[in-house]
Amino acid sequence: MKKAFVTGGAGFIGSHLVDHLIKKGYNVTVYDNFSSGKKEFISHHLGKNYFKLIKSDLLNQKTLEQSLKDHNIVFHLAANPDVRIGMQKPEIAQKDITATYNILDAMRKNDVDKIVFSSSSTIYGETPPIPLPENYGPLLPISLYGAAKLASEGLISSFSHTFDMQTWIFRFANVVGKRGTHGVIVDFIKKLRKNSHELEILGDGKQKKPYLYISDCIEGMLFGFEKANDQINLFNLGCRGTTEVTQIAKMIVEEMRLKNVKFRYTGGKRGWKGDVPQFQFDVTRINKLGWKAKYSSDDAVRKAIKDLLQTSF
């Protein structure tokens, strides 16, 4: 029996992953402290014999070690989901790093030797305007979020080599879609619902990044996991193109059927400290393996807007 242990499985990306794993025949244990996850995202699985929910924190080592027994693989998605929060709560980065250490140590003690980790484009830091391959360096993050993800990658790599584990690391572009709880699309919709005449846009609105639709994210991650078989498998997970923040604002205004909305920019090239204004992914490695995103960045944003307009935040 395939038994998957999903940390952060009640979150935006985690809950979609749980849905896909169950469709593939896995028994799934979700381990989540609900700091950002929502029970409603996984409620359709509650009470089923293939599903177990453990409400606990990864900092609770005893509960973690007991809960992980008899599983085959860990999907480690639990983390602070919002890059910006590092400015107000820098201690969260330390907790995320400790959480990664704890899950790896619990794996070691329970002889679980496979881990799939959700990393991030933020590990690359401030980079030149070129598509970034997985071997780009040096890696110098400018946000605490990015630093925690990079530290976690280092811990996972070292545990893999030291304790004969197998690892899949996926560096996500900006993931958007149904069940999204944060990010530029959610922020803009919230702001426009409060004031349909004016929209505050952080920075100069020229920030440009790739946006990956949630189904592409999950399918790409599981494809890479199933097809790549090195000891450490590292992939950028992205799509075609990039989308500018002002363009996102225009799409949302259009989908909300608003007229004469004034855009007010806070100025500067960054939306906040730690914001990387522009980056591009080189996704040749995952493409060569046989997977490509169905949606371009612009299409992903448009589809996510339609999804999220059905949501009451």
Foldseek 3Di string as FASTA:
>chain_A
DAEEEEEVLQADLNLVLVVVVVVVPAQYEYEYQPPPGDCVSNVVCPPPPSYHYHRDALVPLVVLLVVCAPHQEYEYDDAPPDQFCCVVPVCRLVSLLVSLLSNLVSCLVRVHFEYEYEAAPQQQDADPADADEPPDDDRDGQTSNSVSRVSSVVSVVVSCVVRVHAYEYEHEWAEFAARDDDDLLVQQVVVCVVPVAEGEDFAPQFQKTFYAYSVQVSVLSVLQVVQDDDRYHYFYRTAAGIDTRVRLNVLLCVVVVGPNHHYDYPHHQASHRRGHRYYHHDGVVSVVSPDHGPDGRVRSSNNRSVNCVVDDD
